[in-house]
Amino acid sequence: MLRFAQELKETLVRSGNYKVVLTRTKDEFVSLPRRVSIARAAGADIFLSLHADALAEGRATGTAVYTLSEDASDAASAALAAQQDRTDIISGIDLSAQDDQIAGVLIDLARVQTSSHTDLLAGYLVEGLQDTLGKLHKRPHLKAGFSVLKAPDIPSILIELGFMSSQEDLSNLMDAGWRQKAARGILTALDRWALEDAALGGRLLK
């Protein structure tokens, strides 16, 4: 996955439209909150988390795109509002002087605005990956409460490229040509999203 992240970065940078910051550049663990903090410190317009999972039981195959579920959104807002260090929750806003209720309202407002950008991006990612890879997961857009999706101010997507417990998926992940197709699909999706998001008064092409 680190190799794919590096290849994706090269694909995006070569297009001339993107600046890419990786949360890690070598095979080391970076805590989940730290990953989001790195994105915020870089002034990121989007946050992409790249995964390849494995299941001990059951069978799952194919690429899928995850966004934050509504239930997880409520719980995440409450948890963030309860944190003592509130200088790193919403970019440009210091919530340290606000009580939990006011901080929670501000976090919710930021999340509502961000969620529309995120859903738009998820749709384009599914289309872009489908165009280049063909068959995806049986439900290509899923919702979950992953920690890396909980930033209220940055459109955040988790891309599950495949499952290492599936021999077919593992072969794809190890195939440089397949990874290149995946990177092209993501690039196409970002290009389409940036144009529409800008037309809607969004984050990127202002």
N, C-alpha and C. Protein backbone atom coordinates (compact mmCIF):
# COMPACT_ATOMS: atom_id res chain seq x y z
N MET A 1 0.83 -1.21 0.00
CA MET A 1 0.00 0.00 0.00
C MET A 1 0.86 1.26 0.00
N LEU A 2 2.01 1.18 0.69
CA LEU A 2 2.93 2.32 0.65
C LEU A 2 3.43 2.54 -0.78
N ARG A 3 3.73 1.44 -1.46
CA ARG A 3 4.18 1.56 -2.85
C ARG A 3 3.09 2.19 -3.71
N PHE A 4 1.85 1.77 -3.51
CA PHE A 4 0.76 2.36 -4.29
C PHE A 4 0.59 3.84 -3.97
N ALA A 5 0.70 4.20 -2.69
CA ALA A 5 0.58 5.61 -2.31
C ALA A 5 1.65 6.44 -3.01
N GLN A 6 2.86 5.91 -3.10
CA GLN A 6 3.93 6.63 -3.78
C GLN A 6 3.67 6.73 -5.27
N GLU A 7 3.14 5.65 -5.86
CA GLU A 7 2.81 5.66 -7.29
C GLU A 7 1.65 6.62 -7.57
N LEU A 8 0.67 6.62 -6.69
CA LEU A 8 -0.46 7.55 -6.86
C LEU A 8 0.01 8.99 -6.75
N LYS A 9 0.88 9.25 -5.80
CA LYS A 9 1.43 10.61 -5.66
C LYS A 9 2.10 11.04 -6.96
N GLU A 10 2.92 10.15 -7.53
CA GLU A 10 3.62 10.49 -8.78
C GLU A 10 2.62 10.78 -9.90
N THR A 11 1.57 9.97 -9.99
CA THR A 11 0.54 10.16 -11.02
C THR A 11 -0.14 11.51 -10.87
N LEU A 12 -0.51 11.86 -9.64
CA LEU A 12 -1.21 13.12 -9.39
C LEU A 12 -0.30 14.32 -9.62
N VAL A 13 0.93 14.24 -9.14
CA VAL A 13 1.87 15.36 -9.29
C VAL A 13 2.21 15.58 -10.75
N ARG A 14 2.38 14.49 -11.50
CA ARG A 14 2.73 14.61 -12.92
C ARG A 14 1.63 15.27 -13.72
N SER A 15 0.39 15.17 -13.24
CA SER A 15 -0.72 15.81 -13.95
C SER A 15 -0.62 17.33 -13.91
N GLY A 16 0.14 17.84 -12.95
CA GLY A 16 0.32 19.28 -12.82
C GLY A 16 -0.78 19.99 -12.07
N ASN A 17 -1.77 19.24 -11.58
CA ASN A 17 -2.92 19.87 -10.92
C ASN A 17 -2.93 19.71 -9.41
N TYR A 18 -2.01 18.90 -8.88
CA TYR A 18 -2.10 18.56 -7.46
C TYR A 18 -0.76 18.63 -6.74
N LYS A 19 -0.84 19.04 -5.49
CA LYS A 19 0.27 18.90 -4.56
C LYS A 19 -0.13 17.80 -3.59
N VAL A 20 0.75 16.84 -3.39
CA VAL A 20 0.42 15.67 -2.58
C VAL A 20 1.36 15.57 -1.39
N VAL A 21 0.79 15.36 -0.21
CA VAL A 21 1.57 15.13 1.00
C VAL A 21 1.21 13.75 1.54
N LEU A 22 2.19 12.88 1.69
CA LEU A 22 1.96 11.56 2.24
C LEU A 22 2.08 11.61 3.76
N THR A 23 1.25 10.84 4.45
CA THR A 23 1.34 10.81 5.91
C THR A 23 2.54 9.98 6.36
N ARG A 24 3.07 9.15 5.48
CA ARG A 24 4.31 8.44 5.78
C ARG A 24 5.06 8.18 4.48
N THR A 25 6.37 8.15 4.55
CA THR A 25 7.20 7.93 3.37
C THR A 25 8.03 6.66 3.49
N LYS A 26 7.90 5.96 4.62
CA LYS A 26 8.58 4.67 4.80
C LYS A 26 7.66 3.76 5.59
N ASP A 27 8.05 2.50 5.71
CA ASP A 27 7.18 1.50 6.32
C ASP A 27 7.20 1.64 7.85
N GLU A 28 6.39 2.58 8.32
CA GLU A 28 6.29 2.83 9.75
C GLU A 28 4.84 3.16 10.09
N PHE A 29 4.48 3.00 11.35
CA PHE A 29 3.10 3.27 11.77
C PHE A 29 2.95 4.74 12.14
N VAL A 30 1.88 5.36 11.64
CA VAL A 30 1.51 6.72 12.02
C VAL A 30 0.13 6.63 12.64
N SER A 31 -0.03 7.17 13.85
CA SER A 31 -1.31 7.05 14.55
C SER A 31 -2.43 7.69 13.72
N LEU A 32 -3.64 7.20 13.92
CA LEU A 32 -4.78 7.70 13.14
C LEU A 32 -5.02 9.19 13.34
N PRO A 33 -5.02 9.71 14.60
CA PRO A 33 -5.19 11.16 14.76
C PRO A 33 -4.06 11.95 14.11
N ARG A 34 -2.84 11.40 14.16
CA ARG A 34 -1.69 12.09 13.56
C ARG A 34 -1.85 12.23 12.05
N ARG A 35 -2.43 11.23 11.42
CA ARG A 35 -2.62 11.28 9.96
C ARG A 35 -3.53 12.46 9.59
N VAL A 36 -4.61 12.63 10.32
CA VAL A 36 -5.52 13.74 10.05
C VAL A 36 -4.85 15.07 10.37
N SER A 37 -4.05 15.11 11.43
CA SER A 37 -3.34 16.35 11.79
C SER A 37 -2.36 16.75 10.70
N ILE A 38 -1.70 15.76 10.08
CA ILE A 38 -0.76 16.04 8.99
C ILE A 38 -1.51 16.66 7.82
N ALA A 39 -2.68 16.11 7.51
CA ALA A 39 -3.48 16.65 6.40
C ALA A 39 -3.91 18.08 6.69
N ARG A 40 -4.34 18.33 7.92
CA ARG A 40 -4.80 19.68 8.27
C ARG A 40 -3.63 20.68 8.24
N ALA A 41 -2.47 20.26 8.76
CA ALA A 41 -1.31 21.13 8.77
C ALA A 41 -0.85 21.48 7.35
N ALA A 42 -1.10 20.57 6.42
CA ALA A 42 -0.73 20.80 5.02
C ALA A 42 -1.76 21.64 4.28
N GLY A 43 -2.87 21.97 4.95
CA GLY A 43 -3.93 22.72 4.29
C GLY A 43 -4.62 21.90 3.22
N ALA A 44 -4.79 20.60 3.48
CA ALA A 44 -5.32 19.68 2.47
C ALA A 44 -6.75 20.01 2.07
N ASP A 45 -7.04 19.91 0.79
CA ASP A 45 -8.40 20.06 0.28
C ASP A 45 -9.18 18.77 0.41
N ILE A 46 -8.46 17.63 0.37
CA ILE A 46 -9.08 16.32 0.59
C ILE A 46 -8.10 15.43 1.33
N PHE A 47 -8.66 14.38 1.94
CA PHE A 47 -7.83 13.40 2.64
C PHE A 47 -8.22 12.02 2.13
N LEU A 48 -7.26 11.31 1.52
CA LEU A 48 -7.50 9.96 1.03
C LEU A 48 -6.73 8.97 1.89
N SER A 49 -7.42 8.00 2.44
CA SER A 49 -6.79 6.94 3.22
C SER A 49 -6.83 5.67 2.39
N LEU A 50 -5.67 5.06 2.16
CA LEU A 50 -5.56 3.89 1.28
C LEU A 50 -5.38 2.63 2.11
N HIS A 51 -6.21 1.63 1.84
CA HIS A 51 -6.19 0.40 2.64
C HIS A 51 -6.24 -0.84 1.77
N ALA A 52 -5.69 -1.93 2.32
CA ALA A 52 -5.89 -3.27 1.79
C ALA A 52 -6.09 -4.16 3.00
N ASP A 53 -7.32 -4.60 3.21
CA ASP A 53 -7.68 -5.33 4.42
C ASP A 53 -7.51 -6.84 4.22
N ALA A 54 -7.76 -7.60 5.27
CA ALA A 54 -7.75 -9.07 5.21
C ALA A 54 -8.79 -9.58 6.19
N LEU A 55 -9.52 -10.60 5.78
CA LEU A 55 -10.55 -11.19 6.62
C LEU A 55 -10.14 -12.59 7.04
N ALA A 56 -10.21 -12.86 8.35
CA ALA A 56 -9.89 -14.20 8.83
C ALA A 56 -11.00 -15.18 8.48
N GLU A 57 -12.24 -14.67 8.46
CA GLU A 57 -13.39 -15.49 8.11
C GLU A 57 -14.25 -14.77 7.08
N GLY A 58 -14.99 -15.55 6.32
CA GLY A 58 -15.84 -14.95 5.30
C GLY A 58 -15.06 -14.64 4.04
N ARG A 59 -15.75 -14.07 3.08
CA ARG A 59 -15.12 -13.78 1.79
C ARG A 59 -15.54 -12.40 1.32
N ALA A 60 -14.57 -11.58 1.02
CA ALA A 60 -14.85 -10.24 0.47
C ALA A 60 -13.81 -9.95 -0.59
N THR A 61 -14.25 -9.37 -1.68
CA THR A 61 -13.33 -9.02 -2.76
C THR A 61 -13.75 -7.69 -3.37
N GLY A 62 -12.79 -7.07 -4.05
CA GLY A 62 -13.09 -5.89 -4.82
C GLY A 62 -12.79 -4.59 -4.12
N THR A 63 -12.70 -3.54 -4.92
CA THR A 63 -12.38 -2.20 -4.44
C THR A 63 -13.65 -1.49 -3.99
N ALA A 64 -13.54 -0.75 -2.88
CA ALA A 64 -14.70 -0.02 -2.37
C ALA A 64 -14.25 1.33 -1.83
N VAL A 65 -15.20 2.26 -1.76
CA VAL A 65 -14.96 3.61 -1.27
C VAL A 65 -15.82 3.82 -0.03
N TYR A 66 -15.20 4.28 1.06
CA TYR A 66 -15.93 4.51 2.31
C TYR A 66 -16.01 5.99 2.64
N THR A 67 -17.20 6.41 3.11
CA THR A 67 -17.37 7.73 3.71
C THR A 67 -17.95 7.54 5.11
N LEU A 68 -17.97 8.61 5.89
CA LEU A 68 -18.40 8.52 7.27
C LEU A 68 -19.91 8.34 7.37
N SER A 69 -20.36 7.40 8.19
CA SER A 69 -21.79 7.17 8.37
C SER A 69 -22.39 8.27 9.24
N GLU A 70 -23.70 8.45 9.14
CA GLU A 70 -24.37 9.50 9.91
C GLU A 70 -24.28 9.24 11.40
N ASP A 71 -24.45 7.98 11.80
CA ASP A 71 -24.35 7.65 13.22
C ASP A 71 -22.95 7.96 13.74
N ALA A 72 -21.95 7.60 12.96
CA ALA A 72 -20.58 7.87 13.37
C ALA A 72 -20.30 9.36 13.39
N SER A 73 -20.97 10.11 12.51
CA SER A 73 -20.78 11.56 12.48
C SER A 73 -21.22 12.18 13.80
N ASP A 74 -22.38 11.75 14.31
CA ASP A 74 -22.88 12.28 15.58
C ASP A 74 -21.93 11.96 16.72
N ALA A 75 -21.49 10.70 16.76
CA ALA A 75 -20.59 10.28 17.83
C ALA A 75 -19.24 10.99 17.72
N ALA A 76 -18.77 11.18 16.48
CA ALA A 76 -17.48 11.84 16.29
C ALA A 76 -17.53 13.29 16.73
N SER A 77 -18.62 13.99 16.41
CA SER A 77 -18.76 15.38 16.81
C SER A 77 -18.75 15.52 18.33
N ALA A 78 -19.47 14.62 18.99
CA ALA A 78 -19.52 14.66 20.45
C ALA A 78 -18.15 14.39 21.05
N ALA A 79 -17.44 13.41 20.49
CA ALA A 79 -16.11 13.07 21.01
C ALA A 79 -15.13 14.21 20.79
N LEU A 80 -15.18 14.83 19.63
CA LEU A 80 -14.28 15.93 19.34
C LEU A 80 -14.56 17.13 20.25
N ALA A 81 -15.83 17.40 20.48
CA ALA A 81 -16.20 18.52 21.33
C ALA A 81 -15.74 18.31 22.76
N ALA A 82 -15.63 17.06 23.17
CA ALA A 82 -15.23 16.75 24.55
C ALA A 82 -13.71 16.78 24.74
N GLN A 83 -12.96 16.87 23.67
CA GLN A 83 -11.50 16.90 23.79
C GLN A 83 -11.04 18.21 24.41
N GLN A 84 -9.97 18.10 25.19
CA GLN A 84 -9.43 19.31 25.83
C GLN A 84 -8.64 20.16 24.85
N ASP A 85 -7.87 19.53 23.98
CA ASP A 85 -7.10 20.28 22.99
C ASP A 85 -7.97 20.49 21.76
N ARG A 86 -8.50 21.70 21.62
CA ARG A 86 -9.44 21.96 20.52
C ARG A 86 -8.84 22.86 19.45
N THR A 87 -7.55 22.99 19.44
CA THR A 87 -6.91 23.85 18.44
C THR A 87 -6.71 23.11 17.12
N ASP A 88 -7.00 21.80 17.08
CA ASP A 88 -6.72 21.00 15.89
C ASP A 88 -7.96 20.22 15.46
N ILE A 89 -9.13 20.84 15.57
CA ILE A 89 -10.37 20.18 15.16
C ILE A 89 -10.89 20.74 13.85
N ILE A 90 -10.97 22.07 13.76
CA ILE A 90 -11.40 22.74 12.53
C ILE A 90 -10.32 23.72 12.13
N SER A 91 -9.85 23.61 10.92
CA SER A 91 -8.77 24.47 10.45
C SER A 91 -9.14 25.95 10.57
N GLY A 92 -8.26 26.73 11.21
CA GLY A 92 -8.45 28.17 11.32
C GLY A 92 -9.36 28.60 12.44
N ILE A 93 -9.92 27.65 13.21
CA ILE A 93 -10.82 28.00 14.31
C ILE A 93 -10.32 27.36 15.60
N ASP A 94 -10.08 28.18 16.61
CA ASP A 94 -9.66 27.68 17.92
C ASP A 94 -10.89 27.55 18.80
N LEU A 95 -11.26 26.31 19.11
CA LEU A 95 -12.45 26.05 19.91
C LEU A 95 -12.16 25.92 21.40
N SER A 96 -10.93 26.22 21.80
CA SER A 96 -10.54 25.99 23.18
C SER A 96 -11.31 26.87 24.17
N ALA A 97 -11.83 28.01 23.71
CA ALA A 97 -12.56 28.90 24.62
C ALA A 97 -14.06 28.60 24.65
N GLN A 98 -14.49 27.60 23.86
CA GLN A 98 -15.92 27.30 23.76
C GLN A 98 -16.28 26.11 24.66
N ASP A 99 -17.51 26.13 25.19
CA ASP A 99 -17.94 24.96 25.96
C ASP A 99 -18.32 23.84 25.00
N ASP A 100 -18.61 22.66 25.56
CA ASP A 100 -18.86 21.49 24.73
C ASP A 100 -20.03 21.69 23.77
N GLN A 101 -21.09 22.34 24.24
CA GLN A 101 -22.28 22.49 23.41
C GLN A 101 -22.01 23.39 22.20
N ILE A 102 -21.36 24.53 22.44
CA ILE A 102 -21.06 25.45 21.33
C ILE A 102 -20.05 24.82 20.38
N ALA A 103 -19.03 24.19 20.94
CA ALA A 103 -18.03 23.53 20.10
C ALA A 103 -18.70 22.46 19.24
N GLY A 104 -19.62 21.70 19.85
CA GLY A 104 -20.32 20.66 19.10
C GLY A 104 -21.13 21.21 17.95
N VAL A 105 -21.80 22.34 18.17
CA VAL A 105 -22.59 22.97 17.11
C VAL A 105 -21.68 23.41 15.96
N LEU A 106 -20.55 24.05 16.29
CA LEU A 106 -19.62 24.51 15.25
C LEU A 106 -19.04 23.34 14.47
N ILE A 107 -18.74 22.25 15.17
CA ILE A 107 -18.23 21.06 14.50
C ILE A 107 -19.28 20.47 13.57
N ASP A 108 -20.53 20.41 14.04
CA ASP A 108 -21.62 19.90 13.21
C ASP A 108 -21.83 20.73 11.96
N LEU A 109 -21.76 22.07 12.09
CA LEU A 109 -21.92 22.95 10.93
C LEU A 109 -20.82 22.70 9.91
N ALA A 110 -19.59 22.56 10.40
CA ALA A 110 -18.47 22.28 9.49
C ALA A 110 -18.67 20.93 8.80
N ARG A 111 -19.15 19.95 9.55
CA ARG A 111 -19.32 18.62 8.99
C ARG A 111 -20.43 18.58 7.93
N VAL A 112 -21.51 19.31 8.16
CA VAL A 112 -22.62 19.35 7.19
C VAL A 112 -22.12 19.91 5.86
N GLN A 113 -21.34 20.98 5.92
CA GLN A 113 -20.82 21.58 4.69
C GLN A 113 -19.86 20.63 4.00
N THR A 114 -19.03 19.97 4.79
CA THR A 114 -18.02 19.08 4.22
C THR A 114 -18.64 17.82 3.62
N SER A 115 -19.72 17.32 4.22
CA SER A 115 -20.29 16.04 3.79
C SER A 115 -20.77 16.07 2.35
N SER A 116 -21.29 17.21 1.89
CA SER A 116 -21.75 17.28 0.51
C SER A 116 -20.58 17.17 -0.46
N HIS A 117 -19.45 17.80 -0.12
CA HIS A 117 -18.25 17.69 -0.95
C HIS A 117 -17.74 16.24 -0.94
N THR A 118 -17.82 15.59 0.23
CA THR A 118 -17.33 14.23 0.36
C THR A 118 -18.16 13.25 -0.45
N ASP A 119 -19.48 13.37 -0.38
CA ASP A 119 -20.35 12.47 -1.14
C ASP A 119 -20.16 12.64 -2.64
N LEU A 120 -19.97 13.88 -3.07
CA LEU A 120 -19.70 14.13 -4.49
C LEU A 120 -18.40 13.44 -4.91
N LEU A 121 -17.37 13.57 -4.08
CA LEU A 121 -16.08 12.95 -4.38
C LEU A 121 -16.20 11.43 -4.41
N ALA A 122 -16.94 10.86 -3.45
CA ALA A 122 -17.10 9.41 -3.41
C ALA A 122 -17.73 8.88 -4.69
N GLY A 123 -18.75 9.59 -5.17
CA GLY A 123 -19.40 9.18 -6.40
C GLY A 123 -18.45 9.17 -7.59
N TYR A 124 -17.63 10.20 -7.69
CA TYR A 124 -16.67 10.27 -8.80
C TYR A 124 -15.58 9.21 -8.66
N LEU A 125 -15.18 8.90 -7.42
CA LEU A 125 -14.16 7.86 -7.22
C LEU A 125 -14.70 6.49 -7.66
N VAL A 126 -15.94 6.20 -7.32
CA VAL A 126 -16.54 4.94 -7.75
C VAL A 126 -16.57 4.87 -9.28
N GLU A 127 -17.01 5.95 -9.92
CA GLU A 127 -17.06 5.98 -11.38
C GLU A 127 -15.67 5.84 -11.99
N GLY A 128 -14.70 6.61 -11.46
CA GLY A 128 -13.35 6.59 -12.02
C GLY A 128 -12.69 5.22 -11.88
N LEU A 129 -12.84 4.59 -10.72
CA LEU A 129 -12.25 3.27 -10.50
C LEU A 129 -12.97 2.20 -11.31
N GLN A 130 -14.27 2.36 -11.48
CA GLN A 130 -15.02 1.42 -12.30
C GLN A 130 -14.58 1.50 -13.76
N ASP A 131 -14.33 2.71 -14.23
CA ASP A 131 -13.91 2.90 -15.62
C ASP A 131 -12.58 2.23 -15.91
N THR A 132 -11.65 2.27 -14.94
CA THR A 132 -10.31 1.73 -15.20
C THR A 132 -10.11 0.30 -14.72
N LEU A 133 -10.82 -0.09 -13.66
CA LEU A 133 -10.63 -1.43 -13.10
C LEU A 133 -11.72 -2.41 -13.51
N GLY A 134 -12.87 -1.89 -13.92
CA GLY A 134 -13.99 -2.76 -14.23
C GLY A 134 -14.77 -3.11 -12.98
N LYS A 135 -14.80 -4.37 -12.63
CA LYS A 135 -15.59 -4.84 -11.50
C LYS A 135 -15.00 -4.36 -10.18
N LEU A 136 -15.87 -3.80 -9.31
CA LEU A 136 -15.48 -3.37 -7.97
C LEU A 136 -16.18 -4.25 -6.94
N HIS A 137 -16.13 -3.85 -5.69
CA HIS A 137 -16.87 -4.53 -4.63
C HIS A 137 -18.36 -4.52 -4.97
N LYS A 138 -19.11 -5.51 -4.49
CA LYS A 138 -20.54 -5.58 -4.82
C LYS A 138 -21.30 -4.35 -4.35
N ARG A 139 -20.80 -3.68 -3.29
CA ARG A 139 -21.34 -2.38 -2.86
C ARG A 139 -20.17 -1.40 -2.85
N PRO A 140 -19.92 -0.73 -3.96
CA PRO A 140 -18.70 0.07 -4.09
C PRO A 140 -18.63 1.32 -3.22
N HIS A 141 -19.78 1.84 -2.76
CA HIS A 141 -19.78 2.99 -1.84
C HIS A 141 -20.40 2.54 -0.53
N LEU A 142 -19.57 2.51 0.51
CA LEU A 142 -20.00 2.08 1.84
C LEU A 142 -19.79 3.20 2.85
N LYS A 143 -20.46 3.08 3.99
CA LYS A 143 -20.31 4.07 5.06
C LYS A 143 -19.88 3.36 6.34
N ALA A 144 -18.97 3.98 7.08
CA ALA A 144 -18.47 3.37 8.31
C ALA A 144 -17.96 4.47 9.24
N GLY A 145 -17.55 4.07 10.43
CA GLY A 145 -17.09 5.04 11.43
C GLY A 145 -15.59 5.08 11.59
N PHE A 146 -14.84 4.84 10.52
CA PHE A 146 -13.38 4.83 10.61
C PHE A 146 -12.85 6.17 11.11
N SER A 147 -11.85 6.11 11.98
CA SER A 147 -11.29 7.33 12.60
C SER A 147 -10.76 8.31 11.57
N VAL A 148 -10.18 7.79 10.50
CA VAL A 148 -9.57 8.68 9.49
C VAL A 148 -10.61 9.44 8.67
N LEU A 149 -11.89 9.13 8.87
CA LEU A 149 -12.95 9.82 8.13
C LEU A 149 -13.61 10.92 8.95
N LYS A 150 -13.15 11.14 10.18
CA LYS A 150 -13.89 11.97 11.12
C LYS A 150 -13.51 13.44 11.15
N ALA A 151 -12.58 13.88 10.31
CA ALA A 151 -12.25 15.31 10.26
C ALA A 151 -13.48 16.08 9.79
N PRO A 152 -13.98 17.05 10.57
CA PRO A 152 -15.21 17.75 10.18
C PRO A 152 -15.01 18.75 9.06
N ASP A 153 -13.76 19.14 8.79
CA ASP A 153 -13.50 20.23 7.85
C ASP A 153 -12.80 19.81 6.57
N ILE A 154 -12.47 18.52 6.42
CA ILE A 154 -11.76 18.05 5.23
C ILE A 154 -12.54 16.88 4.62
N PRO A 155 -12.96 16.96 3.36
CA PRO A 155 -13.59 15.81 2.73
C PRO A 155 -12.64 14.60 2.80
N SER A 156 -13.10 13.54 3.47
CA SER A 156 -12.23 12.40 3.75
C SER A 156 -12.83 11.11 3.21
N ILE A 157 -12.01 10.36 2.50
CA ILE A 157 -12.44 9.11 1.87
C ILE A 157 -11.44 8.01 2.22
N LEU A 158 -11.97 6.84 2.54
CA LEU A 158 -11.11 5.66 2.68
C LEU A 158 -11.34 4.78 1.45
N ILE A 159 -10.26 4.49 0.75
CA ILE A 159 -10.33 3.63 -0.43
C ILE A 159 -9.79 2.25 -0.05
N GLU A 160 -10.67 1.26 -0.02
CA GLU A 160 -10.28 -0.13 0.22
C GLU A 160 -9.96 -0.72 -1.15
N LEU A 161 -8.66 -0.78 -1.47
CA LEU A 161 -8.28 -1.23 -2.81
C LEU A 161 -8.59 -2.69 -3.04
N GLY A 162 -8.53 -3.50 -2.00
CA GLY A 162 -8.80 -4.92 -2.14
C GLY A 162 -8.53 -5.64 -0.84
N PHE A 163 -8.74 -6.95 -0.86
CA PHE A 163 -8.57 -7.76 0.34
C PHE A 163 -7.43 -8.76 0.13
N MET A 164 -6.45 -8.69 1.01
CA MET A 164 -5.29 -9.58 0.89
C MET A 164 -5.68 -11.03 1.17
N SER A 165 -6.83 -11.25 1.78
CA SER A 165 -7.30 -12.61 2.03
C SER A 165 -7.93 -13.22 0.77
N SER A 166 -8.10 -12.41 -0.27
CA SER A 166 -8.59 -12.89 -1.56
C SER A 166 -7.38 -13.03 -2.49
N GLN A 167 -7.18 -14.21 -3.04
CA GLN A 167 -6.03 -14.43 -3.91
C GLN A 167 -6.08 -13.53 -5.15
N GLU A 168 -7.30 -13.35 -5.70
CA GLU A 168 -7.45 -12.49 -6.87
C GLU A 168 -7.08 -11.04 -6.53
N ASP A 169 -7.59 -10.55 -5.41
CA ASP A 169 -7.29 -9.18 -5.00
C ASP A 169 -5.80 -9.02 -4.72
N LEU A 170 -5.21 -9.99 -4.03
CA LEU A 170 -3.79 -9.91 -3.70
C LEU A 170 -2.95 -9.86 -4.97
N SER A 171 -3.31 -10.67 -5.94
CA SER A 171 -2.59 -10.64 -7.22
C SER A 171 -2.71 -9.28 -7.89
N ASN A 172 -3.92 -8.69 -7.83
CA ASN A 172 -4.10 -7.35 -8.40
C ASN A 172 -3.22 -6.33 -7.69
N LEU A 173 -3.22 -6.37 -6.36
CA LEU A 173 -2.45 -5.40 -5.58
C LEU A 173 -0.96 -5.50 -5.87
N MET A 174 -0.49 -6.70 -6.20
CA MET A 174 0.93 -6.90 -6.48
C MET A 174 1.28 -6.61 -7.93
N ASP A 175 0.28 -6.34 -8.75
CA ASP A 175 0.46 -6.11 -10.19
C ASP A 175 0.62 -4.61 -10.45
N ALA A 176 1.79 -4.20 -10.94
CA ALA A 176 2.06 -2.78 -11.18
C ALA A 176 1.10 -2.19 -12.20
N GLY A 177 0.73 -2.99 -13.21
CA GLY A 177 -0.21 -2.51 -14.22
C GLY A 177 -1.58 -2.24 -13.64
N TRP A 178 -2.05 -3.12 -12.75
CA TRP A 178 -3.35 -2.93 -12.11
C TRP A 178 -3.33 -1.70 -11.23
N ARG A 179 -2.24 -1.53 -10.48
CA ARG A 179 -2.12 -0.36 -9.61
C ARG A 179 -2.11 0.93 -10.43
N GLN A 180 -1.50 0.88 -11.59
CA GLN A 180 -1.48 2.06 -12.46
C GLN A 180 -2.88 2.42 -12.93
N LYS A 181 -3.68 1.40 -13.25
CA LYS A 181 -5.07 1.64 -13.63
C LYS A 181 -5.85 2.27 -12.47
N ALA A 182 -5.61 1.77 -11.26
CA ALA A 182 -6.29 2.33 -10.10
C ALA A 182 -5.90 3.79 -9.90
N ALA A 183 -4.63 4.09 -10.06
CA ALA A 183 -4.15 5.47 -9.90
C ALA A 183 -4.78 6.38 -10.95
N ARG A 184 -4.91 5.89 -12.19
CA ARG A 184 -5.53 6.69 -13.25
C ARG A 184 -7.00 6.94 -12.94
N GLY A 185 -7.67 5.93 -12.39
CA GLY A 185 -9.07 6.10 -12.03
C GLY A 185 -9.26 7.15 -10.95
N ILE A 186 -8.35 7.16 -9.99
CA ILE A 186 -8.43 8.16 -8.91
C ILE A 186 -8.14 9.55 -9.46
N LEU A 187 -7.15 9.66 -10.33
CA LEU A 187 -6.82 10.95 -10.95
C LEU A 187 -8.02 11.50 -11.72
N THR A 188 -8.65 10.66 -12.53
CA THR A 188 -9.83 11.09 -13.30
C THR A 188 -10.93 11.57 -12.37
N ALA A 189 -11.14 10.82 -11.28
CA ALA A 189 -12.18 11.19 -10.32
C ALA A 189 -11.89 12.54 -9.68
N LEU A 190 -10.65 12.77 -9.29
CA LEU A 190 -10.28 14.04 -8.66
C LEU A 190 -10.43 15.20 -9.63
N ASP A 191 -10.07 14.97 -10.89
CA ASP A 191 -10.22 16.03 -11.90
C ASP A 191 -11.70 16.40 -12.06
N ARG A 192 -12.56 15.40 -12.16
CA ARG A 192 -13.99 15.66 -12.34
C ARG A 192 -14.56 16.35 -11.10
N TRP A 193 -14.16 15.87 -9.94
CA TRP A 193 -14.68 16.44 -8.69
C TRP A 193 -14.24 17.89 -8.53
N ALA A 194 -12.97 18.17 -8.84
CA ALA A 194 -12.46 19.53 -8.68
C ALA A 194 -13.24 20.52 -9.52
N LEU A 195 -13.56 20.13 -10.75
CA LEU A 195 -14.30 21.02 -11.64
C LEU A 195 -15.72 21.27 -11.13
N GLU A 196 -16.41 20.20 -10.74
CA GLU A 196 -17.79 20.38 -10.28
C GLU A 196 -17.83 21.06 -8.92
N ASP A 197 -16.90 20.70 -8.05
CA ASP A 197 -16.87 21.30 -6.72
C ASP A 197 -16.62 22.81 -6.82
N ALA A 198 -15.74 23.19 -7.75
CA ALA A 198 -15.47 24.61 -7.96
C ALA A 198 -16.71 25.32 -8.49
N ALA A 199 -17.43 24.67 -9.40
CA ALA A 199 -18.64 25.27 -9.95
C ALA A 199 -19.70 25.46 -8.88
N LEU A 200 -19.65 24.61 -7.85
CA LEU A 200 -20.61 24.71 -6.76
C LEU A 200 -20.11 25.60 -5.63
N GLY A 201 -19.01 26.32 -5.89
CA GLY A 201 -18.45 27.20 -4.86
C GLY A 201 -17.68 26.43 -3.82
N GLY A 202 -17.01 25.35 -4.26
CA GLY A 202 -16.33 24.48 -3.32
C GLY A 202 -14.92 24.88 -2.97
N ARG A 203 -14.09 23.85 -2.72
CA ARG A 203 -12.81 24.08 -2.05
C ARG A 203 -11.63 24.29 -2.99
N LEU A 204 -11.64 23.64 -4.19
CA LEU A 204 -10.37 23.54 -4.91
C LEU A 204 -10.08 24.69 -5.87
N LEU A 205 -10.79 24.75 -6.97
CA LEU A 205 -10.43 25.67 -8.04
C LEU A 205 -11.12 27.01 -7.86
N LYS A 206 -10.63 27.80 -6.89
CA LYS A 206 -11.27 29.07 -6.58
C LYS A 206 -10.67 30.20 -7.41
